[in-house]
Amino acid sequence: MKNMLALSTLVAVADTFETTTTTTDVDPAAATGILAVFAGLGIIWIIFCILMFVYWLWMLIDSIKTTDEEYAKANSGSKIMWILLILILGIIPAIIYHFMVKKKIKAGSAPAAQ
């Protein structure tokens, strides 16, 4: 009797799974559109990452090329500090370097207006 009860319970559970796990038809055009949106976003993301890498590399090269005297004139810390910050921490120190150090150095090396 217990085996019959257990068997009927299993059958009821199986019927429940069978009725609740039905598949729905997906419109192929909708699936293609969703795929196109994600592909477009992926391409935009890849382009953004490439641009950020190029910018990071540009700031790294600029920090290496800048002399210690230029850093001292701009009161911007040391050359080694900026190189290590840009190398280790990435894009955020590169952006800070661009606006806080590079702009100061460029403004300080410009000829004075008469």
C-alpha atoms as a PDB file:
ATOM      1  CA  MET A   1       0.000   0.000   0.000  1.00  0.00           C
ATOM      2  CA  LYS A   2       2.833   2.393   0.824  1.00  0.00           C
ATOM      3  CA  ASN A   3       4.482   1.631  -2.517  1.00  0.00           C
ATOM      4  CA  MET A   4       1.273   2.459  -4.366  1.00  0.00           C
ATOM      5  CA  LEU A   5       0.956   5.755  -2.508  1.00  0.00           C
ATOM      6  CA  ALA A   6       4.576   6.660  -3.270  1.00  0.00           C
ATOM      7  CA  LEU A   7       4.112   5.705  -6.908  1.00  0.00           C
ATOM      8  CA  SER A   8       0.979   7.807  -7.251  1.00  0.00           C
ATOM      9  CA  THR A   9       2.781  10.747  -5.628  1.00  0.00           C
ATOM     10  CA  LEU A  10       5.660  10.426  -8.104  1.00  0.00           C
ATOM     11  CA  VAL A  11       3.224  10.293 -11.003  1.00  0.00           C
ATOM     12  CA  ALA A  12       1.478  13.422  -9.738  1.00  0.00           C
ATOM     13  CA  VAL A  13       4.787  15.253  -9.390  1.00  0.00           C
ATOM     14  CA  ALA A  14       5.853  14.134 -12.857  1.00  0.00           C
ATOM     15  CA  ASP A  15       2.562  15.376 -14.317  1.00  0.00           C
ATOM     16  CA  THR A  16       3.082  18.730 -12.610  1.00  0.00           C
ATOM     17  CA  PHE A  17       6.547  19.113 -14.146  1.00  0.00           C
ATOM     18  CA  GLU A  18       5.230  18.034 -17.502  1.00  0.00           C
ATOM     19  CA  THR A  19       2.482  20.635 -17.525  1.00  0.00           C
ATOM     20  CA  THR A  20       4.555  23.513 -16.145  1.00  0.00           C
ATOM     21  CA  THR A  21       7.614  23.099 -18.340  1.00  0.00           C
ATOM     22  CA  THR A  22       6.063  23.733 -21.713  1.00  0.00           C
ATOM     23  CA  THR A  23       8.080  25.469 -24.373  1.00  0.00           C
ATOM     24  CA  THR A  24       6.956  28.675 -26.033  1.00  0.00           C
ATOM     25  CA  ASP A  25       7.496  29.592 -29.610  1.00  0.00           C
ATOM     26  CA  VAL A  26       9.982  32.431 -30.123  1.00  0.00           C
ATOM     27  CA  ASP A  27       9.663  34.663 -33.118  1.00  0.00           C
ATOM     28  CA  PRO A  28      12.905  34.330 -35.116  1.00  0.00           C
ATOM     29  CA  ALA A  29      12.807  38.008 -36.077  1.00  0.00           C
ATOM     30  CA  ALA A  30      12.618  39.033 -32.412  1.00  0.00           C
ATOM     31  CA  ALA A  31      15.488  36.737 -31.502  1.00  0.00           C
ATOM     32  CA  THR A  32      17.550  38.154 -34.369  1.00  0.00           C
ATOM     33  CA  GLY A  33      16.778  41.702 -33.253  1.00  0.00           C
ATOM     34  CA  ILE A  34      17.820  40.987 -29.672  1.00  0.00           C
ATOM     35  CA  LEU A  35      21.020  39.350 -30.912  1.00  0.00           C
ATOM     36  CA  ALA A  36      21.731  42.374 -33.111  1.00  0.00           C
ATOM     37  CA  VAL A  37      21.285  44.742 -30.168  1.00  0.00           C
ATOM     38  CA  PHE A  38      23.690  42.763 -27.997  1.00  0.00           C
ATOM     39  CA  ALA A  39      26.190  42.471 -30.850  1.00  0.00           C
ATOM     40  CA  GLY A  40      26.023  46.239 -31.397  1.00  0.00           C
ATOM     41  CA  LEU A  41      26.555  46.915 -27.714  1.00  0.00           C
ATOM     42  CA  GLY A  42      29.474  44.491 -27.729  1.00  0.00           C
ATOM     43  CA  ILE A  43      31.089  46.282 -30.646  1.00  0.00           C
ATOM     44  CA  ILE A  44      30.618  49.655 -28.936  1.00  0.00           C
ATOM     45  CA  TRP A  45      32.152  48.234 -25.742  1.00  0.00           C
ATOM     46  CA  ILE A  46      35.154  46.847 -27.632  1.00  0.00           C
ATOM     47  CA  ILE A  47      35.755  50.203 -29.346  1.00  0.00           C
ATOM     48  CA  PHE A  48      35.484  51.999 -25.984  1.00  0.00           C
ATOM     49  CA  CYS A  49      37.995  49.609 -24.397  1.00  0.00           C
ATOM     50  CA  ILE A  50      40.445  50.058 -27.275  1.00  0.00           C
ATOM     51  CA  LEU A  51      40.169  53.848 -26.983  1.00  0.00           C
ATOM     52  CA  MET A  52      40.741  53.709 -23.222  1.00  0.00           C
ATOM     53  CA  PHE A  53      43.804  51.500 -23.739  1.00  0.00           C
ATOM     54  CA  VAL A  54      45.233  53.932 -26.312  1.00  0.00           C
ATOM     55  CA  TYR A  55      44.591  56.870 -23.956  1.00  0.00           C
ATOM     56  CA  TRP A  56      46.211  54.983 -21.042  1.00  0.00           C
ATOM     57  CA  LEU A  57      49.235  54.151 -23.196  1.00  0.00           C
ATOM     58  CA  TRP A  58      49.499  57.781 -24.358  1.00  0.00           C
ATOM     59  CA  MET A  59      49.527  59.055 -20.761  1.00  0.00           C
ATOM     60  CA  LEU A  60      52.059  56.383 -19.732  1.00  0.00           C
ATOM     61  CA  ILE A  61      54.403  57.366 -22.565  1.00  0.00           C
ATOM     62  CA  ASP A  62      53.940  61.063 -21.738  1.00  0.00           C
ATOM     63  CA  SER A  63      54.736  60.455 -18.059  1.00  0.00           C
ATOM     64  CA  ILE A  64      57.892  58.581 -19.069  1.00  0.00           C
ATOM     65  CA  LYS A  65      58.997  61.296 -21.521  1.00  0.00           C
ATOM     66  CA  THR A  66      58.424  64.171 -19.096  1.00  0.00           C
ATOM     67  CA  THR A  67      61.604  65.158 -17.268  1.00  0.00           C
ATOM     68  CA  ASP A  68      62.017  65.355 -13.509  1.00  0.00           C
ATOM     69  CA  GLU A  69      62.541  69.123 -13.780  1.00  0.00           C
ATOM     70  CA  GLU A  70      59.143  69.575 -15.438  1.00  0.00           C
ATOM     71  CA  TYR A  71      57.477  67.613 -12.624  1.00  0.00           C
ATOM     72  CA  ALA A  72      59.293  69.773 -10.064  1.00  0.00           C
ATOM     73  CA  LYS A  73      58.251  73.029 -11.781  1.00  0.00           C
ATOM     74  CA  ALA A  74      54.614  71.919 -11.806  1.00  0.00           C
ATOM     75  CA  ASN A  75      54.682  70.749  -8.154  1.00  0.00           C
ATOM     76  CA  SER A  76      53.250  67.441  -9.316  1.00  0.00           C
ATOM     77  CA  GLY A  77      55.117  64.765  -7.393  1.00  0.00           C
ATOM     78  CA  SER A  78      57.805  62.589  -8.846  1.00  0.00           C
ATOM     79  CA  LYS A  79      58.170  60.958 -12.207  1.00  0.00           C
ATOM     80  CA  ILE A  80      58.476  57.450 -10.735  1.00  0.00           C
ATOM     81  CA  MET A  81      55.313  57.947  -8.667  1.00  0.00           C
ATOM     82  CA  TRP A  82      53.216  58.827 -11.713  1.00  0.00           C
ATOM     83  CA  ILE A  83      54.667  56.046 -13.843  1.00  0.00           C
ATOM     84  CA  LEU A  84      53.924  53.464 -11.143  1.00  0.00           C
ATOM     85  CA  LEU A  85      50.443  54.833 -10.488  1.00  0.00           C
ATOM     86  CA  ILE A  86      49.529  54.721 -14.165  1.00  0.00           C
ATOM     87  CA  LEU A  87      51.055  51.266 -14.621  1.00  0.00           C
ATOM     88  CA  ILE A  88      49.505  49.654 -11.555  1.00  0.00           C
ATOM     89  CA  LEU A  89      46.137  51.374 -11.174  1.00  0.00           C
ATOM     90  CA  GLY A  90      45.292  51.955 -14.817  1.00  0.00           C
ATOM     91  CA  ILE A  91      43.004  54.467 -16.425  1.00  0.00           C
ATOM     92  CA  ILE A  92      41.937  56.569 -13.410  1.00  0.00           C
ATOM     93  CA  PRO A  93      45.458  57.802 -12.570  1.00  0.00           C
ATOM     94  CA  ALA A  94      45.985  58.370 -16.304  1.00  0.00           C
ATOM     95  CA  ILE A  95      42.982  60.693 -16.389  1.00  0.00           C
ATOM     96  CA  ILE A  96      44.156  62.466 -13.221  1.00  0.00           C
ATOM     97  CA  TYR A  97      47.662  62.777 -14.714  1.00  0.00           C
ATOM     98  CA  HIS A  98      46.247  64.295 -17.884  1.00  0.00           C
ATOM     99  CA  PHE A  99      44.227  66.999 -16.153  1.00  0.00           C
ATOM    100  CA  MET A 100      46.371  67.700 -13.082  1.00  0.00           C
ATOM    101  CA  VAL A 101      49.954  67.247 -14.320  1.00  0.00           C
ATOM    102  CA  LYS A 102      50.100  67.365 -18.111  1.00  0.00           C
ATOM    103  CA  LYS A 103      47.984  70.527 -18.290  1.00  0.00           C
ATOM    104  CA  LYS A 104      50.146  72.228 -15.618  1.00  0.00           C
ATOM    105  CA  ILE A 105      53.359  71.269 -17.364  1.00  0.00           C
ATOM    106  CA  LYS A 106      51.999  72.412 -20.727  1.00  0.00           C
ATOM    107  CA  ALA A 107      50.809  75.726 -19.254  1.00  0.00           C
ATOM    108  CA  GLY A 108      54.163  76.267 -17.521  1.00  0.00           C
ATOM    109  CA  SER A 109      56.210  75.602 -20.659  1.00  0.00           C
ATOM    110  CA  ALA A 110      54.158  77.918 -22.886  1.00  0.00           C
ATOM    111  CA  PRO A 111      55.814  81.223 -23.739  1.00  0.00           C
ATOM    112  CA  ALA A 112      54.616  84.175 -21.684  1.00  0.00           C
ATOM    113  CA  ALA A 113      52.253  86.602 -23.392  1.00  0.00           C
ATOM    114  CA  GLN A 114      53.627  90.083 -24.071  1.00  0.00           C
END
